[in-house]
Amino acid sequence: MKRLALVVTSLGLLASAQAARAAEGESSFTPQSFVMPIYSIRLALGFNVNVPLYTCTPGSGAVAAPIADAGDAGTFGDCMIDMADAQVLETLFSQPAAIPPGTYDRIVIGTCESNSAFVAKVKGSVDLEGTTYYTTSGTPVLSDNPADLGYASINYGGCGNEVMLPQPVTINAGDAITVSAFFTLQNLSWVLGNFSTGLGGCAEAPAGSFNVCSGLPVLVAYIGATAPTLESFYITEDVNDLEGAKAAGQVMILSSDGEPFSGFLRRVYSHDSLSTLVSYDVPLRDISKNSSEPGDAGVSLDASVPDAAASDAGVSASYDIYSIGDPAQDTSKYRVRFPRFELGDHTGTMLTTNGTSQFPYRAVRR
């Protein structure tokens, strides 16, 4: 058996976590608390091999209520985890797990108890055109009264979230290993207007009113122990948008010892965000450093699209960045790809829908 320690860490938020401006009804924000059910975490290979790393049994009292907000203690049941609470995360994943010898390539997180949907709780505030609004636990789901601050209930479909390991891990008898998993709540949630009740990923707000929606905190894995840095790059499809004010998404890069190893894609709602056909709601699959030779990592780009990448800061190293595709298990498919992404302000070409479409972009470091 192999002793495996799983370390789950919430990354510190960047100073510019919230959008600088917000149009009426549209704004990204960083929740101060995000409570979601976690019933199981398993080490897996494909669909058939699953080894429990963590299991929560409802009614067992195995998981303490979230403690990030003392006034909410006891209001959530077993298996509800506050992803903003470092103490809770440390308690949950403090014990090593015994793993049978074998090869594993992913971590699978179970979020449902017995059906194909679940509810998470979001608490936070957002500035909309100079007025601060607060999430509430009732209807409407937003209020300009600080005393109404509470958890909005967000509805989700589906029950699992896969975390691909940087490379498959082969376990031998007597080995010990640490798998570090990281996530960030930065710009995870947003406010929209004129949406009907019951929209997936949103609260049940009255039609035509402000509604609170949210993505899910995606974990990325690292084999070993590390304290990575997190950099965020707003992606605007207007290459002349030097400040990224029209950005509709962002690429978040995790680096260890100065070398990127994984990251996240996340949408952005701000005052001037452009409409986009790019899906920013899927995890990154891979980041690989390009060779110093010319070319776009073997990708042929349309001559009418500005070549990736024209650096604004003299950055020379570039990386080929893939997102997860459909289906997620097919490594040849991707929603979006940045063949030559630099760790600084730059322009380039992104590919979507498995390379069938190409769009110019500007990346602006935040």
Protein backbone atom coordinates (compact mmCIF):
# COMPACT_ATOMS: atom_id res chain seq x y z
CA MET A 1 0.00 0.00 0.00
CA LYS A 2 1.14 3.52 -0.69
CA ARG A 3 0.59 6.36 1.73
CA LEU A 4 -0.69 9.39 -0.14
CA ALA A 5 -1.19 12.83 1.40
CA LEU A 6 -3.67 15.13 -0.37
CA VAL A 7 -3.08 18.81 0.39
CA VAL A 8 -5.85 21.16 -0.79
CA THR A 9 -4.99 24.87 -0.67
CA SER A 10 -6.96 28.00 -1.47
CA LEU A 11 -4.73 30.39 -3.36
CA GLY A 12 -4.47 33.97 -2.19
CA LEU A 13 -6.55 36.46 -4.14
CA LEU A 14 -4.91 39.07 -6.33
CA ALA A 15 -5.36 42.73 -5.44
CA SER A 16 -7.46 43.32 -8.55
CA ALA A 17 -9.85 40.45 -7.90
CA GLN A 18 -12.99 42.48 -8.62
CA ALA A 19 -13.75 44.12 -11.94
CA ALA A 20 -12.90 47.81 -11.81
CA ARG A 21 -16.30 48.86 -13.17
CA ALA A 22 -19.63 47.18 -13.61
CA ALA A 23 -22.60 47.81 -15.83
CA GLU A 24 -26.09 47.61 -14.39
CA GLY A 25 -26.86 43.93 -13.95
CA GLU A 26 -23.42 42.61 -14.91
CA SER A 27 -20.36 42.19 -12.74
CA SER A 28 -17.87 39.56 -11.67
CA PHE A 29 -17.02 39.37 -7.99
CA THR A 30 -14.98 37.27 -5.61
CA PRO A 31 -17.13 35.61 -2.93
CA GLN A 32 -15.98 35.87 0.66
CA SER A 33 -17.39 32.38 1.29
CA PHE A 34 -18.33 29.52 -1.03
CA VAL A 35 -19.92 26.47 0.60
CA MET A 36 -20.36 23.31 -1.48
CA PRO A 37 -20.98 19.61 -0.80
CA ILE A 38 -18.04 17.22 -1.08
CA TYR A 39 -19.12 13.62 -0.52
CA SER A 40 -16.05 11.89 -1.89
CA ILE A 41 -12.60 12.40 -3.34
CA ARG A 42 -11.11 9.48 -5.26
CA LEU A 43 -7.84 8.70 -7.00
CA ALA A 44 -8.71 7.17 -10.36
CA LEU A 45 -7.56 5.77 -13.68
CA GLY A 46 -10.17 6.22 -16.39
CA PHE A 47 -13.68 5.09 -15.45
CA ASN A 48 -12.96 1.73 -13.86
CA VAL A 49 -10.32 2.29 -11.16
CA ASN A 50 -11.34 4.40 -8.14
CA VAL A 51 -9.63 4.52 -4.75
CA PRO A 52 -11.18 6.62 -1.94
CA LEU A 53 -9.04 9.44 -0.55
CA TYR A 54 -11.85 11.04 1.41
CA THR A 55 -15.45 10.05 2.11
CA CYS A 56 -18.19 11.92 3.94
CA THR A 57 -21.21 9.97 5.15
CA PRO A 58 -24.29 12.17 5.74
CA GLY A 59 -25.49 11.99 9.33
CA SER A 60 -22.12 10.85 10.65
CA GLY A 61 -21.08 14.28 11.87
CA ALA A 62 -17.74 13.65 10.19
CA VAL A 63 -17.48 17.16 8.79
CA ALA A 64 -17.75 20.28 10.90
CA ALA A 65 -19.97 23.13 9.75
CA PRO A 66 -18.15 26.00 7.99
CA ILE A 67 -16.41 28.26 10.48
CA ALA A 68 -15.27 31.13 8.25
CA ASP A 69 -18.38 33.07 9.34
CA ALA A 70 -19.05 32.28 13.00
CA GLY A 71 -22.65 33.47 12.77
CA ASP A 72 -23.42 30.71 10.29
CA ALA A 73 -22.00 27.88 12.40
CA GLY A 74 -24.43 24.98 12.52
CA THR A 75 -26.60 26.20 9.66
CA PHE A 76 -25.13 23.73 7.15
CA GLY A 77 -25.31 19.97 7.29
CA ASP A 78 -22.63 17.33 7.02
CA CYS A 79 -20.45 17.25 3.92
CA MET A 80 -20.88 20.99 3.20
CA ILE A 81 -17.41 22.55 2.94
CA ASP A 82 -16.51 26.23 3.02
CA MET A 83 -13.88 26.48 0.29
CA ALA A 84 -12.78 29.86 1.68
CA ASP A 85 -11.92 28.39 5.07
CA ALA A 86 -8.31 27.22 5.23
CA GLN A 87 -8.82 25.63 8.65
CA VAL A 88 -11.66 23.43 7.41
CA LEU A 89 -9.65 22.33 4.36
CA GLU A 90 -6.64 21.51 6.51
CA THR A 91 -8.80 19.43 8.87
CA LEU A 92 -10.47 17.49 6.08
CA PHE A 93 -7.34 16.42 4.27
CA SER A 94 -4.89 16.03 7.15
CA GLN A 95 -4.79 12.21 7.14
CA PRO A 96 -2.84 10.21 4.54
CA ALA A 97 -4.71 7.58 2.53
CA ALA A 98 -3.56 4.02 1.87
CA ILE A 99 -3.46 3.46 -1.90
CA PRO A 100 -3.09 0.06 -3.63
CA PRO A 101 -0.17 -0.24 -6.07
CA GLY A 102 -1.10 0.79 -9.59
CA THR A 103 -1.18 3.70 -12.02
CA TYR A 104 -3.50 6.67 -11.57
CA ASP A 105 -4.09 9.75 -13.72
CA ARG A 106 -6.86 11.82 -12.09
CA ILE A 107 -8.67 12.87 -8.94
CA VAL A 108 -12.48 12.72 -9.01
CA ILE A 109 -14.59 14.85 -6.66
CA GLY A 110 -18.16 13.75 -5.92
CA THR A 111 -20.63 16.55 -5.15
CA CYS A 112 -23.96 14.67 -5.05
CA GLU A 113 -25.42 12.39 -2.41
CA SER A 114 -28.04 10.49 -4.38
CA ASN A 115 -29.22 12.48 -7.42
CA SER A 116 -27.75 14.37 -10.37
CA ALA A 117 -27.86 17.88 -8.94
CA PHE A 118 -26.66 19.80 -5.91
CA VAL A 119 -26.85 23.22 -4.26
CA ALA A 120 -23.91 25.43 -3.22
CA LYS A 121 -24.01 28.61 -1.12
CA VAL A 122 -22.37 31.90 -2.13
CA LYS A 123 -21.83 34.92 0.10
CA GLY A 124 -20.28 38.20 -1.01
CA SER A 125 -20.73 41.73 -2.27
CA VAL A 126 -20.43 43.43 -5.63
CA ASP A 127 -20.29 47.02 -6.87
CA LEU A 128 -22.80 47.87 -9.59
CA GLU A 129 -22.33 51.39 -11.00
CA GLY A 130 -21.23 52.82 -7.66
CA THR A 131 -23.75 50.97 -5.44
CA THR A 132 -22.65 48.03 -3.32
CA TYR A 133 -25.01 45.06 -3.31
CA TYR A 134 -24.91 42.08 -0.97
CA THR A 135 -25.99 38.50 -1.54
CA THR A 136 -28.97 37.44 0.57
CA SER A 137 -30.50 34.16 1.69
CA GLY A 138 -33.98 35.21 0.55
CA THR A 139 -35.78 36.91 -2.33
CA PRO A 140 -34.52 39.04 -3.99
CA VAL A 141 -31.05 37.52 -3.90
CA LEU A 142 -29.30 40.92 -3.86
CA SER A 143 -29.79 43.86 -1.47
CA ASP A 144 -28.09 47.22 -0.98
CA ASN A 145 -28.51 46.84 2.80
CA PRO A 146 -25.37 45.37 4.47
CA ALA A 147 -27.57 43.87 7.19
CA ASP A 148 -29.11 41.54 4.58
CA LEU A 149 -25.78 39.84 3.78
CA GLY A 150 -26.30 36.08 3.61
CA TYR A 151 -25.79 32.98 1.52
CA ALA A 152 -27.50 32.80 -1.87
CA SER A 153 -28.34 29.23 -2.94
CA ILE A 154 -26.94 28.27 -6.37
CA ASN A 155 -28.32 25.29 -8.31
CA TYR A 156 -26.02 22.98 -10.28
CA GLY A 157 -26.53 19.94 -12.47
CA GLY A 158 -24.04 17.08 -12.57
CA CYS A 159 -22.18 15.35 -9.77
CA GLY A 160 -18.49 15.08 -10.52
CA ASN A 161 -15.40 17.15 -11.16
CA GLU A 162 -12.23 15.56 -12.52
CA VAL A 163 -8.77 16.85 -11.72
CA MET A 164 -6.18 15.52 -14.16
CA LEU A 165 -2.76 14.89 -12.63
CA PRO A 166 0.18 16.57 -14.43
CA GLN A 167 1.28 13.07 -15.44
CA PRO A 168 0.10 9.56 -14.50
CA VAL A 169 1.49 8.34 -11.18
CA THR A 170 2.63 4.75 -10.75
CA ILE A 171 2.40 3.52 -7.18
CA ASN A 172 4.67 0.83 -5.81
CA ALA A 173 4.34 -0.90 -2.44
CA GLY A 174 5.80 1.15 0.40
CA ASP A 175 5.98 4.44 -1.52
CA ALA A 176 4.83 7.76 -0.09
CA ILE A 177 3.72 10.75 -2.13
CA THR A 178 2.07 14.11 -1.71
CA VAL A 179 -0.49 15.36 -4.22
CA SER A 180 -1.06 19.10 -3.86
CA ALA A 181 -4.33 20.54 -5.18
CA PHE A 182 -4.95 24.27 -5.65
CA PHE A 183 -7.93 26.46 -6.46
CA THR A 184 -8.94 30.12 -6.32
CA LEU A 185 -12.26 31.87 -5.73
CA GLN A 186 -11.10 34.93 -7.68
CA ASN A 187 -13.91 36.27 -9.92
CA LEU A 188 -15.75 32.99 -9.41
CA SER A 189 -19.23 34.57 -9.19
CA TRP A 190 -21.14 37.22 -11.09
CA VAL A 191 -24.41 39.16 -11.23
CA LEU A 192 -26.76 39.14 -14.22
CA GLY A 193 -30.10 40.74 -14.94
CA ASN A 194 -33.25 39.60 -16.77
CA PHE A 195 -32.72 35.89 -16.29
CA SER A 196 -35.52 33.49 -15.46
CA THR A 197 -35.69 31.48 -12.27
CA GLY A 198 -33.93 28.17 -11.93
CA LEU A 199 -31.14 28.82 -14.46
CA GLY A 200 -28.36 26.26 -13.92
CA GLY A 201 -25.43 27.78 -12.04
CA CYS A 202 -27.66 30.60 -10.75
CA ALA A 203 -29.93 31.31 -7.80
CA GLU A 204 -33.72 31.16 -8.09
CA ALA A 205 -34.40 34.87 -8.55
CA PRO A 206 -37.59 36.44 -9.93
CA ALA A 207 -37.59 36.81 -13.71
CA GLY A 208 -36.27 40.18 -14.85
CA SER A 209 -34.43 40.94 -11.61
CA PHE A 210 -30.77 40.78 -10.67
CA ASN A 211 -29.57 37.23 -10.23
CA VAL A 212 -26.46 35.74 -8.63
CA CYS A 213 -24.61 33.08 -10.61
CA SER A 214 -21.36 31.27 -10.00
CA GLY A 215 -18.87 28.85 -11.43
CA LEU A 216 -17.37 26.07 -9.34
CA PRO A 217 -13.88 26.20 -7.82
CA VAL A 218 -11.81 23.90 -10.04
CA LEU A 219 -8.91 22.04 -8.45
CA VAL A 220 -5.60 21.61 -10.26
CA ALA A 221 -3.07 19.06 -9.07
CA TYR A 222 0.69 19.01 -8.58
CA ILE A 223 2.76 15.95 -7.68
CA GLY A 224 4.75 16.89 -4.59
CA ALA A 225 4.66 19.84 -2.24
CA THR A 226 4.93 23.38 -3.62
CA ALA A 227 3.85 26.92 -2.89
CA PRO A 228 2.94 28.18 -6.37
CA THR A 229 2.48 31.71 -7.59
CA LEU A 230 -0.76 32.73 -9.29
CA GLU A 231 -0.86 35.19 -12.19
CA SER A 232 -3.99 36.37 -13.96
CA PHE A 233 -4.22 37.56 -17.57
CA TYR A 234 -7.39 39.18 -18.89
CA ILE A 235 -8.17 38.11 -22.47
CA THR A 236 -9.70 40.73 -24.77
CA GLU A 237 -10.58 40.08 -28.40
CA ASP A 238 -9.79 43.71 -29.25
CA VAL A 239 -6.01 43.74 -29.77
CA ASN A 240 -6.02 47.54 -29.31
CA ASP A 241 -7.59 47.24 -25.84
CA LEU A 242 -4.37 47.90 -23.92
CA GLU A 243 -5.99 47.76 -20.46
CA GLY A 244 -8.13 44.68 -21.03
CA ALA A 245 -11.29 46.68 -20.25
CA LYS A 246 -13.28 44.67 -22.82
CA ALA A 247 -12.08 41.29 -21.56
CA ALA A 248 -14.68 38.55 -21.34
CA GLY A 249 -12.38 35.91 -19.87
CA GLN A 250 -9.10 35.33 -18.16
CA VAL A 251 -6.29 32.80 -18.05
CA MET A 252 -4.89 32.10 -14.58
CA ILE A 253 -1.43 30.55 -14.51
CA LEU A 254 0.10 28.57 -11.64
CA SER A 255 3.90 28.44 -11.56
CA SER A 256 6.36 26.55 -9.40
CA ASP A 257 9.96 27.80 -9.30
CA GLY A 258 9.10 30.18 -12.13
CA GLU A 259 7.77 27.48 -14.48
CA PRO A 260 4.03 27.21 -15.26
CA PHE A 261 2.50 23.81 -14.55
CA SER A 262 -1.26 24.35 -14.65
CA GLY A 263 -4.01 26.91 -14.27
CA PHE A 264 -7.62 27.91 -14.79
CA LEU A 265 -9.89 29.57 -17.31
CA ARG A 266 -12.55 31.90 -15.94
CA ARG A 267 -15.12 34.25 -17.45
CA VAL A 268 -15.16 37.97 -16.69
CA TYR A 269 -18.19 40.25 -16.58
CA SER A 270 -17.25 43.92 -16.56
CA HIS A 271 -18.53 47.26 -17.79
CA ASP A 272 -17.24 46.92 -21.36
CA SER A 273 -16.90 43.15 -21.81
CA LEU A 274 -17.29 42.05 -25.41
CA SER A 275 -19.52 39.15 -26.37
CA THR A 276 -17.41 36.07 -26.98
CA LEU A 277 -17.83 32.60 -28.45
CA VAL A 278 -14.97 31.29 -26.33
CA SER A 279 -15.83 28.94 -23.45
CA TYR A 280 -14.01 30.05 -20.30
CA ASP A 281 -15.87 27.60 -18.06
CA VAL A 282 -13.64 24.56 -18.48
CA PRO A 283 -10.35 23.62 -16.77
CA LEU A 284 -6.98 23.73 -18.47
CA ARG A 285 -5.69 20.35 -19.59
CA ASP A 286 -2.05 21.09 -20.28
CA ILE A 287 0.65 23.78 -20.33
CA SER A 288 3.85 22.97 -22.22
CA LYS A 289 6.80 25.20 -23.00
CA ASN A 290 7.44 25.83 -26.69
CA SER A 291 10.81 25.30 -28.25
CA SER A 292 12.82 28.35 -29.31
CA GLU A 293 12.34 27.54 -32.98
CA PRO A 294 9.83 29.49 -35.11
CA GLY A 295 6.28 28.27 -35.46
CA ASP A 296 3.18 27.88 -33.35
CA ALA A 297 3.79 24.51 -31.70
CA GLY A 298 2.92 22.72 -34.92
CA VAL A 299 -0.31 24.65 -35.43
CA SER A 300 -0.96 26.34 -38.78
CA LEU A 301 -2.55 29.74 -38.23
CA ASP A 302 -4.59 31.78 -40.67
CA ALA A 303 -2.33 34.37 -42.31
CA SER A 304 -5.04 37.01 -41.83
CA VAL A 305 -4.82 36.67 -38.04
CA PRO A 306 -1.97 38.43 -36.16
CA ASP A 307 0.73 35.89 -35.41
CA ALA A 308 1.15 34.83 -31.80
CA ALA A 309 2.75 36.43 -30.03
CA ALA A 310 3.81 40.07 -30.17
CA SER A 311 5.18 40.83 -26.74
CA ASP A 312 4.78 44.23 -25.07
CA ALA A 313 7.40 43.53 -22.44
CA GLY A 314 10.17 41.67 -24.25
CA VAL A 315 9.09 38.28 -22.87
CA SER A 316 10.58 35.52 -25.01
CA ALA A 317 9.37 32.22 -23.54
CA SER A 318 5.97 31.05 -24.72
CA TYR A 319 3.68 28.19 -23.75
CA ASP A 320 1.15 26.03 -25.54
CA ILE A 321 -1.99 26.10 -23.38
CA TYR A 322 -4.90 23.68 -23.86
CA SER A 323 -8.28 23.58 -22.21
CA ILE A 324 -10.42 20.51 -21.63
CA GLY A 325 -12.59 19.56 -24.63
CA ASP A 326 -15.73 17.55 -25.37
CA PRO A 327 -15.65 14.80 -24.34
CA ALA A 328 -13.20 15.57 -21.55
CA GLN A 329 -11.56 12.15 -21.89
CA ASP A 330 -10.49 12.85 -25.50
CA THR A 331 -7.08 14.53 -25.22
CA SER A 332 -7.17 15.61 -28.88
CA LYS A 333 -10.15 17.91 -28.30
CA TYR A 334 -10.22 21.34 -26.69
CA ARG A 335 -12.58 24.29 -26.25
CA VAL A 336 -9.83 26.88 -26.57
CA ARG A 337 -6.08 26.79 -27.13
CA PHE A 338 -3.38 29.46 -26.91
CA PRO A 339 -0.46 28.07 -28.99
CA ARG A 340 2.03 30.76 -27.92
CA PHE A 341 1.01 32.29 -24.61
CA GLU A 342 3.53 34.57 -22.90
CA LEU A 343 3.71 35.47 -19.22
CA GLY A 344 3.34 39.18 -19.91
CA ASP A 345 1.19 41.55 -21.94
CA HIS A 346 1.10 40.30 -25.53
CA THR A 347 -1.05 39.79 -28.61
CA GLY A 348 -1.59 36.46 -30.27
CA THR A 349 -4.04 33.99 -31.80
CA MET A 350 -6.33 31.65 -29.91
CA LEU A 351 -7.91 28.58 -31.46
CA THR A 352 -11.40 27.36 -30.59
CA THR A 353 -13.53 24.25 -31.23
CA ASN A 354 -10.56 21.95 -31.84
CA GLY A 355 -8.81 24.51 -34.07
CA THR A 356 -11.66 25.07 -36.54
CA SER A 357 -11.85 28.78 -35.61
CA GLN A 358 -9.15 31.37 -34.91
CA PHE A 359 -9.41 34.72 -33.15
CA PRO A 360 -6.88 37.45 -32.38
CA TYR A 361 -6.52 38.38 -28.73
CA ARG A 362 -4.60 40.60 -26.36
CA ALA A 363 -3.54 39.29 -22.95
CA VAL A 364 -3.20 41.89 -20.21
CA ARG A 365 -1.53 40.91 -16.96
CA ARG A 366 -3.63 41.97 -13.96
